[in-house]
């Protein structure tokens, strides 16, 4: 990868050079996180998980939650009462 010099506009905008956009597969609407400090600015592309990955992650989280509840002796039918108790409704 080559280094390129770019210039910021009066509105604080910069253009990511085309060869870098192509290499990183970024296009209009791509989200970035911006880090700044000590005379340095870093852009990090933020990827959105696919629908399938999100469903898989949520299933893993639910499985972990079920195991934790089971280890505490809490059944699914107990949850509404626990929630109401903690909300101060009971």
N, C-alpha and C. Protein backbone atom coordinates (compact mmCIF):
# COMPACT_ATOMS: atom_id res chain seq x y z
N UNK A 1 0.85 -1.18 0.00
CA UNK A 1 0.00 0.00 0.00
C UNK A 1 0.89 1.24 0.00
N UNK A 2 0.54 2.17 -0.84
CA UNK A 2 1.30 3.42 -0.93
C UNK A 2 0.69 4.46 -0.01
N UNK A 3 1.51 5.40 0.42
CA UNK A 3 1.03 6.53 1.19
C UNK A 3 0.56 7.61 0.23
N UNK A 4 -0.54 8.25 0.55
CA UNK A 4 -1.04 9.34 -0.27
C UNK A 4 -1.34 10.52 0.62
N UNK A 5 -1.21 11.72 0.08
CA UNK A 5 -1.52 12.94 0.80
C UNK A 5 -2.90 13.41 0.37
N UNK A 6 -3.72 13.74 1.35
CA UNK A 6 -5.06 14.24 1.07
C UNK A 6 -5.25 15.54 1.84
N UNK A 7 -6.28 16.28 1.48
CA UNK A 7 -6.54 17.58 2.11
C UNK A 7 -7.96 17.59 2.65
N UNK A 8 -8.12 18.10 3.87
CA UNK A 8 -9.44 18.20 4.48
C UNK A 8 -10.15 19.44 3.93
N UNK A 9 -11.47 19.31 3.69
CA UNK A 9 -12.26 20.44 3.20
C UNK A 9 -12.61 21.37 4.35
N UNK A 10 -13.20 22.50 4.01
CA UNK A 10 -13.60 23.47 5.03
C UNK A 10 -14.69 22.91 5.95
N UNK A 11 -15.37 21.86 5.51
CA UNK A 11 -16.41 21.22 6.32
C UNK A 11 -15.87 20.03 7.11
N UNK A 12 -14.55 19.82 7.11
CA UNK A 12 -13.95 18.73 7.86
C UNK A 12 -13.99 17.40 7.15
N UNK A 13 -14.28 17.40 5.86
CA UNK A 13 -14.38 16.16 5.09
C UNK A 13 -13.05 15.82 4.44
N UNK A 14 -12.79 14.51 4.34
CA UNK A 14 -11.63 14.02 3.60
C UNK A 14 -12.11 12.97 2.61
N UNK A 15 -11.32 12.73 1.59
CA UNK A 15 -11.64 11.70 0.61
C UNK A 15 -10.64 10.57 0.79
N UNK A 16 -11.16 9.36 0.98
CA UNK A 16 -10.30 8.19 1.05
C UNK A 16 -9.95 7.82 -0.38
N UNK A 17 -8.66 7.76 -0.71
CA UNK A 17 -8.27 7.47 -2.09
C UNK A 17 -8.90 6.19 -2.64
N UNK A 18 -9.22 6.21 -3.92
CA UNK A 18 -9.94 5.12 -4.56
C UNK A 18 -9.25 3.77 -4.40
N UNK A 19 -7.92 3.72 -4.54
CA UNK A 19 -7.24 2.42 -4.44
C UNK A 19 -7.39 1.83 -3.04
N UNK A 20 -7.42 2.68 -2.02
CA UNK A 20 -7.62 2.21 -0.65
C UNK A 20 -9.07 1.74 -0.46
N UNK A 21 -10.03 2.51 -1.00
CA UNK A 21 -11.44 2.10 -0.92
C UNK A 21 -11.65 0.74 -1.56
N UNK A 22 -11.04 0.54 -2.71
CA UNK A 22 -11.19 -0.74 -3.41
C UNK A 22 -10.55 -1.88 -2.62
N UNK A 23 -9.36 -1.64 -2.10
CA UNK A 23 -8.64 -2.68 -1.34
C UNK A 23 -9.41 -3.10 -0.10
N UNK A 24 -10.05 -2.12 0.56
CA UNK A 24 -10.78 -2.41 1.81
C UNK A 24 -12.26 -2.68 1.58
N UNK A 25 -12.69 -2.65 0.32
CA UNK A 25 -14.09 -2.92 -0.03
C UNK A 25 -15.04 -1.98 0.72
N UNK A 26 -14.76 -0.69 0.67
CA UNK A 26 -15.65 0.29 1.29
C UNK A 26 -16.34 1.09 0.20
N UNK A 27 -17.57 1.46 0.50
CA UNK A 27 -18.34 2.26 -0.45
C UNK A 27 -19.20 3.24 0.33
N UNK A 28 -19.97 4.03 -0.36
CA UNK A 28 -20.83 5.01 0.29
C UNK A 28 -21.69 4.31 1.35
N UNK A 29 -21.75 4.89 2.53
CA UNK A 29 -22.54 4.33 3.61
C UNK A 29 -21.76 3.44 4.56
N UNK A 30 -20.51 3.09 4.21
CA UNK A 30 -19.68 2.27 5.10
C UNK A 30 -19.46 3.05 6.40
N UNK A 31 -19.60 2.36 7.51
CA UNK A 31 -19.44 3.00 8.82
C UNK A 31 -18.00 2.85 9.30
N UNK A 32 -17.50 3.90 9.98
CA UNK A 32 -16.16 3.90 10.55
C UNK A 32 -16.22 4.38 11.99
N UNK A 33 -15.28 3.91 12.78
CA UNK A 33 -15.03 4.47 14.10
C UNK A 33 -13.80 5.35 13.92
N UNK A 34 -13.80 6.52 14.58
CA UNK A 34 -12.68 7.44 14.46
C UNK A 34 -11.99 7.57 15.81
N UNK A 35 -10.68 7.32 15.83
CA UNK A 35 -9.86 7.50 17.02
C UNK A 35 -8.96 8.70 16.76
N UNK A 36 -8.76 9.55 17.74
CA UNK A 36 -7.87 10.67 17.54
C UNK A 36 -7.08 10.99 18.79
N UNK A 37 -5.84 11.37 18.62
CA UNK A 37 -5.01 11.80 19.73
C UNK A 37 -3.55 11.84 19.34
N UNK A 38 -2.82 12.70 20.02
CA UNK A 38 -1.37 12.82 19.78
C UNK A 38 -1.04 13.01 18.31
N UNK A 39 -1.74 13.92 17.66
CA UNK A 39 -1.44 14.26 16.27
C UNK A 39 -1.72 13.12 15.29
N UNK A 40 -2.60 12.18 15.68
CA UNK A 40 -2.90 11.03 14.84
C UNK A 40 -4.41 10.83 14.77
N UNK A 41 -4.90 10.49 13.59
CA UNK A 41 -6.31 10.14 13.39
C UNK A 41 -6.33 8.76 12.74
N UNK A 42 -7.13 7.86 13.30
CA UNK A 42 -7.24 6.51 12.75
C UNK A 42 -8.70 6.23 12.44
N UNK A 43 -8.96 5.76 11.24
CA UNK A 43 -10.30 5.32 10.85
C UNK A 43 -10.31 3.80 10.89
N UNK A 44 -11.33 3.22 11.52
CA UNK A 44 -11.48 1.77 11.58
C UNK A 44 -12.83 1.41 11.01
N UNK A 45 -12.83 0.61 9.94
CA UNK A 45 -14.09 0.19 9.33
C UNK A 45 -14.87 -0.66 10.32
N UNK A 46 -16.15 -0.35 10.45
CA UNK A 46 -17.02 -1.10 11.36
C UNK A 46 -17.91 -1.99 10.51
N UNK A 47 -17.80 -3.29 10.73
CA UNK A 47 -18.62 -4.22 9.97
C UNK A 47 -19.91 -4.55 10.71
N UNK A 48 -20.96 -4.65 9.97
CA UNK A 48 -22.24 -5.06 10.53
C UNK A 48 -22.36 -6.56 10.35
N UNK A 49 -22.80 -7.27 11.40
CA UNK A 49 -22.93 -8.72 11.25
C UNK A 49 -24.07 -9.06 10.30
N UNK A 50 -23.94 -10.19 9.64
CA UNK A 50 -25.02 -10.65 8.78
C UNK A 50 -26.19 -11.08 9.66
N UNK A 51 -27.34 -11.21 9.04
CA UNK A 51 -28.53 -11.67 9.76
C UNK A 51 -28.26 -13.04 10.38
N UNK A 52 -27.61 -13.91 9.63
CA UNK A 52 -27.32 -15.25 10.12
C UNK A 52 -26.38 -15.22 11.32
N UNK A 53 -25.34 -14.36 11.26
CA UNK A 53 -24.39 -14.25 12.36
C UNK A 53 -25.08 -13.69 13.60
N UNK A 54 -25.93 -12.69 13.42
CA UNK A 54 -26.66 -12.10 14.55
C UNK A 54 -27.56 -13.14 15.21
N UNK A 55 -28.27 -13.92 14.41
CA UNK A 55 -29.15 -14.97 14.96
C UNK A 55 -28.32 -16.00 15.71
N UNK A 56 -27.19 -16.39 15.14
CA UNK A 56 -26.31 -17.37 15.79
C UNK A 56 -25.80 -16.83 17.14
N UNK A 57 -25.37 -15.57 17.15
CA UNK A 57 -24.88 -14.97 18.39
C UNK A 57 -25.98 -14.89 19.45
N UNK A 58 -27.20 -14.53 19.03
CA UNK A 58 -28.31 -14.44 19.98
C UNK A 58 -28.68 -15.83 20.52
N UNK A 59 -28.62 -16.85 19.66
CA UNK A 59 -28.90 -18.21 20.12
C UNK A 59 -27.88 -18.66 21.16
N UNK A 60 -26.61 -18.34 20.94
CA UNK A 60 -25.56 -18.68 21.92
C UNK A 60 -25.80 -17.95 23.24
N UNK A 61 -26.18 -16.68 23.16
CA UNK A 61 -26.46 -15.90 24.36
C UNK A 61 -27.65 -16.48 25.12
N UNK A 62 -28.70 -16.86 24.39
CA UNK A 62 -29.88 -17.45 25.04
C UNK A 62 -29.53 -18.79 25.69
N UNK A 63 -28.72 -19.60 25.02
CA UNK A 63 -28.30 -20.89 25.59
C UNK A 63 -27.52 -20.67 26.88
N UNK A 64 -26.60 -19.71 26.86
CA UNK A 64 -25.82 -19.40 28.07
C UNK A 64 -26.75 -18.93 29.19
N UNK A 65 -27.73 -18.08 28.85
CA UNK A 65 -28.67 -17.59 29.85
C UNK A 65 -29.51 -18.71 30.45
N UNK A 66 -29.95 -19.62 29.60
CA UNK A 66 -30.74 -20.76 30.11
C UNK A 66 -29.92 -21.61 31.07
N UNK A 67 -28.64 -21.85 30.73
CA UNK A 67 -27.77 -22.64 31.61
C UNK A 67 -27.57 -21.93 32.95
N UNK A 68 -27.39 -20.62 32.91
CA UNK A 68 -27.18 -19.85 34.13
C UNK A 68 -28.44 -19.91 35.01
N UNK A 69 -29.60 -19.73 34.41
CA UNK A 69 -30.85 -19.80 35.18
C UNK A 69 -31.04 -21.18 35.78
N UNK A 70 -30.74 -22.21 34.98
CA UNK A 70 -30.87 -23.58 35.46
C UNK A 70 -29.95 -23.82 36.66
N UNK A 71 -28.73 -23.29 36.59
CA UNK A 71 -27.79 -23.49 37.71
C UNK A 71 -28.26 -22.76 38.97
N UNK A 72 -29.07 -21.72 38.80
CA UNK A 72 -29.61 -20.97 39.95
C UNK A 72 -30.96 -21.51 40.41
N UNK A 73 -31.47 -22.51 39.70
CA UNK A 73 -32.75 -23.09 40.06
C UNK A 73 -33.94 -22.24 39.66
N UNK A 74 -33.76 -21.36 38.69
CA UNK A 74 -34.84 -20.49 38.23
C UNK A 74 -35.45 -21.09 36.97
N UNK A 75 -36.78 -21.21 36.98
CA UNK A 75 -37.50 -21.74 35.82
C UNK A 75 -38.06 -20.57 35.01
N UNK A 76 -38.31 -20.83 33.74
CA UNK A 76 -38.82 -19.77 32.86
C UNK A 76 -40.11 -19.16 33.40
N UNK A 77 -40.97 -19.99 33.99
CA UNK A 77 -42.25 -19.47 34.50
C UNK A 77 -42.05 -18.57 35.73
N UNK A 78 -40.86 -18.60 36.37
CA UNK A 78 -40.57 -17.76 37.53
C UNK A 78 -40.20 -16.32 37.13
N UNK A 79 -39.82 -16.13 35.90
CA UNK A 79 -39.25 -14.85 35.48
C UNK A 79 -40.21 -13.66 35.61
N UNK A 80 -41.49 -13.75 35.17
CA UNK A 80 -42.37 -12.59 35.34
C UNK A 80 -42.48 -12.13 36.81
N UNK A 81 -42.57 -13.07 37.74
CA UNK A 81 -42.65 -12.71 39.16
C UNK A 81 -41.37 -12.04 39.62
N UNK A 82 -40.23 -12.55 39.18
CA UNK A 82 -38.93 -11.95 39.57
C UNK A 82 -38.83 -10.53 39.03
N UNK A 83 -39.24 -10.33 37.77
CA UNK A 83 -39.17 -8.99 37.16
C UNK A 83 -40.07 -8.02 37.92
N UNK A 84 -41.30 -8.43 38.21
CA UNK A 84 -42.23 -7.56 38.95
C UNK A 84 -41.70 -7.25 40.34
N UNK A 85 -41.13 -8.24 40.99
CA UNK A 85 -40.59 -8.03 42.34
C UNK A 85 -39.46 -6.97 42.30
N UNK A 86 -38.58 -7.07 41.31
CA UNK A 86 -37.47 -6.12 41.20
C UNK A 86 -37.93 -4.75 40.76
N UNK A 87 -39.05 -4.67 40.09
CA UNK A 87 -39.60 -3.37 39.71
C UNK A 87 -40.39 -2.74 40.84
N UNK A 88 -40.56 -3.50 41.91
CA UNK A 88 -41.30 -2.99 43.06
C UNK A 88 -42.79 -3.05 42.88
N UNK A 89 -43.27 -3.89 41.98
CA UNK A 89 -44.70 -3.99 41.70
C UNK A 89 -45.36 -5.05 42.57
N UNK A 90 -44.58 -5.86 43.24
CA UNK A 90 -45.15 -6.91 44.10
C UNK A 90 -44.62 -6.78 45.48
